[in-house]
N, C-alpha and C. Protein backbone atom coordinates (compact mmCIF):
# COMPACT_ATOMS: atom_id res chain seq x y z
N MET A 1 18.08 5.55 33.52
CA MET A 1 16.92 4.70 33.09
C MET A 1 16.39 4.32 31.74
N THR A 2 16.64 3.66 30.75
CA THR A 2 16.17 3.19 29.85
C THR A 2 15.11 2.30 29.72
N ILE A 3 14.09 2.34 28.57
CA ILE A 3 13.29 1.63 28.33
C ILE A 3 13.40 0.69 27.28
N ARG A 4 13.52 -0.73 27.83
CA ARG A 4 13.00 -1.94 27.16
C ARG A 4 12.10 -2.47 26.54
N HIS A 5 11.96 -2.85 25.29
CA HIS A 5 10.57 -2.91 24.41
C HIS A 5 11.01 -4.32 23.75
N VAL A 6 10.45 -5.21 24.36
CA VAL A 6 10.50 -6.54 23.75
C VAL A 6 9.28 -7.10 23.06
N VAL A 7 9.31 -7.48 22.12
CA VAL A 7 7.96 -7.96 21.38
C VAL A 7 8.11 -9.60 20.53
N THR A 8 7.32 -10.13 21.10
CA THR A 8 7.25 -11.84 20.25
C THR A 8 6.60 -11.82 19.21
N TRP A 9 6.42 -12.45 18.50
CA TRP A 9 5.53 -12.82 17.17
C TRP A 9 5.82 -14.42 16.78
N LYS A 10 4.38 -14.97 16.51
CA LYS A 10 3.76 -16.34 15.78
C LYS A 10 3.31 -16.08 14.60
N LEU A 11 3.75 -16.72 13.51
CA LEU A 11 3.67 -16.78 12.13
C LEU A 11 1.99 -17.10 12.07
N LYS A 12 1.45 -16.99 11.13
CA LYS A 12 0.50 -17.53 10.44
C LYS A 12 0.30 -18.71 9.87
N ALA A 13 1.42 -18.77 8.50
CA ALA A 13 2.15 -19.99 8.12
C ALA A 13 2.31 -21.00 8.75
N ALA A 14 1.92 -22.12 7.74
CA ALA A 14 2.51 -23.43 8.45
C ALA A 14 3.39 -23.69 7.59
N GLU A 15 3.88 -23.79 5.80
CA GLU A 15 4.75 -24.34 5.38
C GLU A 15 6.33 -23.68 5.86
N GLU A 16 7.13 -24.61 5.72
CA GLU A 16 8.34 -24.19 6.29
C GLU A 16 8.94 -23.33 5.66
N ALA A 17 9.32 -23.38 4.21
CA ALA A 17 9.92 -22.52 3.05
C ALA A 17 8.86 -21.06 2.96
N GLU A 18 7.69 -21.11 3.26
CA GLU A 18 7.41 -19.56 3.31
C GLU A 18 7.45 -19.16 4.80
N ARG A 19 7.40 -19.79 5.99
CA ARG A 19 7.73 -19.32 7.21
C ARG A 19 9.01 -18.86 7.51
N ALA A 20 10.06 -19.36 6.81
CA ALA A 20 11.71 -19.25 6.55
C ALA A 20 11.74 -17.84 5.64
N GLU A 21 11.05 -17.54 4.70
CA GLU A 21 11.13 -16.46 4.12
C GLU A 21 10.34 -15.33 4.52
N GLN A 22 9.50 -15.44 5.59
CA GLN A 22 8.87 -14.48 6.37
C GLN A 22 9.73 -14.22 7.24
N LEU A 23 10.58 -14.69 7.98
CA LEU A 23 11.26 -15.11 9.18
C LEU A 23 12.66 -14.21 8.90
N ALA A 24 13.12 -13.83 7.53
CA ALA A 24 13.91 -13.53 6.86
C ALA A 24 13.92 -11.99 6.66
N VAL A 25 12.85 -12.14 6.11
CA VAL A 25 12.25 -10.26 6.11
C VAL A 25 11.71 -9.38 7.32
N ILE A 26 11.09 -10.14 8.28
CA ILE A 26 11.00 -9.77 9.44
C ILE A 26 12.56 -9.15 10.06
N LYS A 27 13.08 -10.24 10.21
CA LYS A 27 14.78 -10.13 10.96
C LYS A 27 15.57 -8.68 9.94
N GLY A 28 15.50 -9.01 8.68
CA GLY A 28 16.49 -8.26 8.11
C GLY A 28 15.62 -6.63 7.97
N GLY A 29 13.92 -6.64 7.70
CA GLY A 29 13.61 -5.40 8.23
C GLY A 29 13.89 -4.66 9.66
N LEU A 30 13.64 -5.29 10.53
CA LEU A 30 13.96 -4.97 12.13
C LEU A 30 15.22 -4.74 12.12
N GLU A 31 15.90 -4.93 11.72
CA GLU A 31 17.84 -5.14 12.45
C GLU A 31 18.10 -4.15 11.02
N SER A 32 17.38 -3.41 10.14
CA SER A 32 17.92 -2.34 9.10
C SER A 32 17.33 -1.16 9.69
N LEU A 33 16.57 -0.87 10.78
CA LEU A 33 16.04 0.04 11.35
C LEU A 33 17.07 1.00 12.60
N PRO A 34 17.73 0.31 13.22
CA PRO A 34 19.20 1.26 13.87
C PRO A 34 19.59 2.05 12.87
N ALA A 35 20.19 1.86 11.59
CA ALA A 35 20.67 2.99 10.63
C ALA A 35 19.85 4.35 10.18
N VAL A 36 18.49 4.12 10.39
CA VAL A 36 17.45 5.13 10.08
C VAL A 36 16.77 6.06 11.50
N ILE A 37 16.61 5.46 12.45
CA ILE A 37 15.97 5.88 13.24
C ILE A 37 17.04 5.80 14.58
N PRO A 38 17.36 7.25 14.73
CA PRO A 38 18.47 7.46 16.04
C PRO A 38 17.72 7.22 17.48
N GLU A 39 16.67 7.08 17.60
CA GLU A 39 16.14 6.81 19.29
C GLU A 39 16.38 5.32 19.41
N ILE A 40 16.82 4.48 18.78
CA ILE A 40 17.22 3.08 18.88
C ILE A 40 18.54 2.97 19.72
N LEU A 41 18.66 2.82 20.85
CA LEU A 41 19.88 2.62 21.64
C LEU A 41 20.40 1.24 21.20
N ALA A 42 19.76 0.15 21.05
CA ALA A 42 20.24 -0.89 21.18
C ALA A 42 19.23 -1.73 20.46
N LEU A 43 19.23 -2.75 19.84
CA LEU A 43 18.24 -3.69 18.67
C LEU A 43 19.19 -4.96 18.52
N GLN A 44 17.94 -6.22 18.70
CA GLN A 44 18.25 -7.58 18.69
C GLN A 44 17.31 -8.08 18.13
N VAL A 45 17.19 -9.20 17.21
CA VAL A 45 16.34 -9.85 16.84
C VAL A 45 16.99 -11.33 16.87
N GLY A 46 15.86 -12.21 17.15
CA GLY A 46 16.11 -13.89 17.44
C GLY A 46 14.98 -14.84 16.62
N VAL A 47 15.30 -15.50 16.10
CA VAL A 47 14.57 -16.06 15.33
C VAL A 47 14.70 -17.54 16.33
N ASN A 48 13.32 -18.03 16.76
CA ASN A 48 13.41 -19.37 17.68
C ASN A 48 14.19 -20.55 17.04
N ALA A 49 15.12 -20.95 17.93
CA ALA A 49 16.20 -22.10 17.82
C ALA A 49 15.67 -23.56 17.69
N LEU A 50 14.60 -23.28 18.97
CA LEU A 50 14.13 -24.54 19.30
C LEU A 50 12.69 -25.23 19.02
N PRO A 51 12.46 -26.48 18.85
CA PRO A 51 11.01 -27.10 18.44
C PRO A 51 10.28 -26.61 19.56
N GLY A 52 9.03 -26.44 19.47
CA GLY A 52 8.01 -26.63 20.32
C GLY A 52 7.13 -25.70 20.15
N ASP A 53 6.36 -24.92 21.30
CA ASP A 53 4.94 -24.30 20.78
C ASP A 53 5.63 -23.05 21.11
N ASN A 54 6.73 -22.32 21.04
CA ASN A 54 7.48 -21.34 21.34
C ASN A 54 6.71 -20.35 20.29
N PHE A 55 6.81 -19.08 20.48
CA PHE A 55 6.57 -17.87 19.50
C PHE A 55 7.77 -18.01 18.38
N ASP A 56 8.04 -17.33 17.11
CA ASP A 56 9.22 -17.63 15.70
C ASP A 56 9.83 -16.90 16.12
N ILE A 57 9.62 -15.14 16.63
CA ILE A 57 10.80 -14.29 16.58
C ILE A 57 10.91 -13.83 17.56
N ALA A 58 11.55 -13.15 17.81
CA ALA A 58 11.38 -11.80 18.89
C ALA A 58 12.74 -10.45 18.54
N LEU A 59 11.68 -9.36 19.23
CA LEU A 59 12.83 -8.31 19.25
C LEU A 59 13.13 -7.49 20.71
N ILE A 60 14.30 -7.43 20.56
CA ILE A 60 14.79 -6.67 22.11
C ILE A 60 15.12 -5.27 22.20
N SER A 61 14.72 -4.40 21.89
CA SER A 61 15.21 -3.32 21.59
C SER A 61 15.08 -2.20 22.58
N ASP A 62 16.18 -1.09 23.16
CA ASP A 62 16.21 0.02 24.25
C ASP A 62 15.99 1.32 23.51
N PHE A 63 15.38 2.22 24.54
CA PHE A 63 15.27 3.58 24.01
C PHE A 63 15.75 4.10 25.72
N ALA A 64 15.73 5.63 25.19
CA ALA A 64 16.27 6.85 26.45
C ALA A 64 14.79 6.63 27.38
N ASP A 65 13.83 6.76 26.49
CA ASP A 65 12.71 6.99 27.66
C ASP A 65 11.23 6.73 26.64
N ALA A 66 10.35 6.84 27.51
CA ALA A 66 9.04 6.45 26.64
C ALA A 66 8.81 7.20 25.83
N ASP A 67 9.02 8.68 25.43
CA ASP A 67 9.11 9.27 24.48
C ASP A 67 9.60 8.88 23.39
N ALA A 68 11.02 8.81 23.43
CA ALA A 68 12.03 8.10 22.39
C ALA A 68 11.27 6.56 21.58
N LEU A 69 10.31 6.00 22.59
CA LEU A 69 9.59 4.77 22.05
C LEU A 69 8.69 4.79 21.31
N GLN A 70 8.26 6.36 21.65
CA GLN A 70 6.85 6.44 20.87
C GLN A 70 6.86 7.23 19.69
N ARG A 71 8.50 7.82 19.38
CA ARG A 71 8.55 8.07 18.15
C ARG A 71 8.84 7.31 17.22
N TYR A 72 9.80 6.13 17.89
CA TYR A 72 10.30 4.90 17.17
C TYR A 72 9.07 4.15 16.47
N VAL A 73 8.00 4.19 17.61
CA VAL A 73 6.88 3.52 17.14
C VAL A 73 5.89 4.49 15.64
N GLU A 74 6.07 5.68 15.69
CA GLU A 74 5.16 6.37 14.93
C GLU A 74 6.47 7.06 13.49
N ASN A 75 7.92 6.49 13.84
CA ASN A 75 8.67 6.63 12.55
C ASN A 75 8.02 5.66 11.24
N ALA A 76 7.96 6.46 10.04
CA ALA A 76 7.85 5.75 8.74
C ALA A 76 8.13 4.47 8.56
N ASP A 77 9.80 4.45 8.88
CA ASP A 77 10.50 3.47 8.69
C ASP A 77 10.09 2.33 9.11
N HIS A 78 9.76 2.37 10.46
CA HIS A 78 9.12 1.71 11.23
C HIS A 78 7.87 1.03 11.02
N GLN A 79 6.89 1.87 10.75
CA GLN A 79 5.44 1.01 10.15
C GLN A 79 5.86 0.62 9.23
N THR A 80 6.52 0.95 8.32
CA THR A 80 6.74 0.10 6.97
C THR A 80 7.00 -1.20 7.11
N VAL A 81 7.88 -1.27 7.87
CA VAL A 81 8.45 -2.95 8.69
C VAL A 81 7.37 -3.53 9.19
N ALA A 82 6.60 -2.79 10.31
CA ALA A 82 5.26 -3.28 11.19
C ALA A 82 4.55 -3.56 10.01
N ALA A 83 4.32 -2.96 9.18
CA ALA A 83 3.03 -3.28 8.17
C ALA A 83 3.08 -4.58 7.83
N TYR A 84 4.38 -4.66 7.08
CA TYR A 84 5.08 -6.56 6.72
C TYR A 84 4.24 -7.49 7.58
N ILE A 85 4.86 -6.82 9.10
CA ILE A 85 4.69 -8.30 10.33
C ILE A 85 3.46 -8.18 10.52
N ARG A 86 2.49 -7.36 10.64
CA ARG A 86 1.15 -7.36 10.74
C ARG A 86 0.43 -8.45 9.74
N SER A 87 0.94 -8.33 8.27
CA SER A 87 0.27 -9.11 7.60
C SER A 87 0.40 -10.67 7.40
N VAL A 88 1.68 -11.08 8.37
CA VAL A 88 1.90 -12.15 8.17
C VAL A 88 2.39 -13.25 9.67
N VAL A 89 1.78 -12.16 10.77
CA VAL A 89 1.63 -12.64 11.73
C VAL A 89 0.19 -13.22 12.51
N GLY A 90 0.33 -14.38 13.40
CA GLY A 90 -0.97 -14.63 13.73
C GLY A 90 -1.26 -14.19 15.54
N GLY A 91 -0.22 -14.19 15.81
CA GLY A 91 -0.11 -13.71 17.52
C GLY A 91 1.17 -12.71 17.98
N ARG A 92 0.97 -11.92 18.97
CA ARG A 92 2.09 -10.93 18.98
C ARG A 92 1.89 -10.87 20.39
N SER A 93 3.10 -10.53 21.44
CA SER A 93 3.00 -10.21 22.84
C SER A 93 4.42 -8.96 22.66
N ALA A 94 3.85 -8.08 23.73
CA ALA A 94 5.05 -7.39 23.99
C ALA A 94 4.91 -6.70 25.70
N VAL A 95 6.03 -6.19 25.86
CA VAL A 95 6.23 -5.88 27.40
C VAL A 95 7.45 -4.51 26.91
N ASP A 96 7.42 -3.31 27.77
CA ASP A 96 8.14 -2.41 28.15
C ASP A 96 8.33 -2.03 29.48
N PHE A 97 9.66 -2.53 29.44
CA PHE A 97 10.22 -2.26 31.14
C PHE A 97 10.98 -1.40 30.93
N GLU A 98 11.39 -0.98 32.48
CA GLU A 98 12.94 -0.13 32.75
C GLU A 98 14.02 -1.11 33.05
N VAL A 99 15.17 -0.60 32.23
CA VAL A 99 16.36 -0.96 32.85
C VAL A 99 17.18 0.03 33.62
C-alpha cells in the first residue's frame, strides 16, 4: 500500500505574465525533487489547462508510507520549493490517501 499525496494551489497574482512565471517556477521546482529526494516513488505536476474557477496547479506524488511522506515534507530541498510556493499562493488544498 502506498500513500498518494495530492496538493492543489491557487495563485494570488492576477496579471497573466506574472502568473505564468510563477507557475513555471513552481512546476520546475517540484519536478526537480525526485532527483534529490529518494522517498518520492512518482511525481506529476499539472498546470490548469481550462478556464474557470479551478485551482492553478496540482501535484500528485506517491510515497511508500506515511514515514516516507514525512521525510519528504521535512527535506531541505522540499522546504526550499515549499517556501517559494507559500510566498505566491493564496489558497491550498491537500489530501493523502492509500492506493
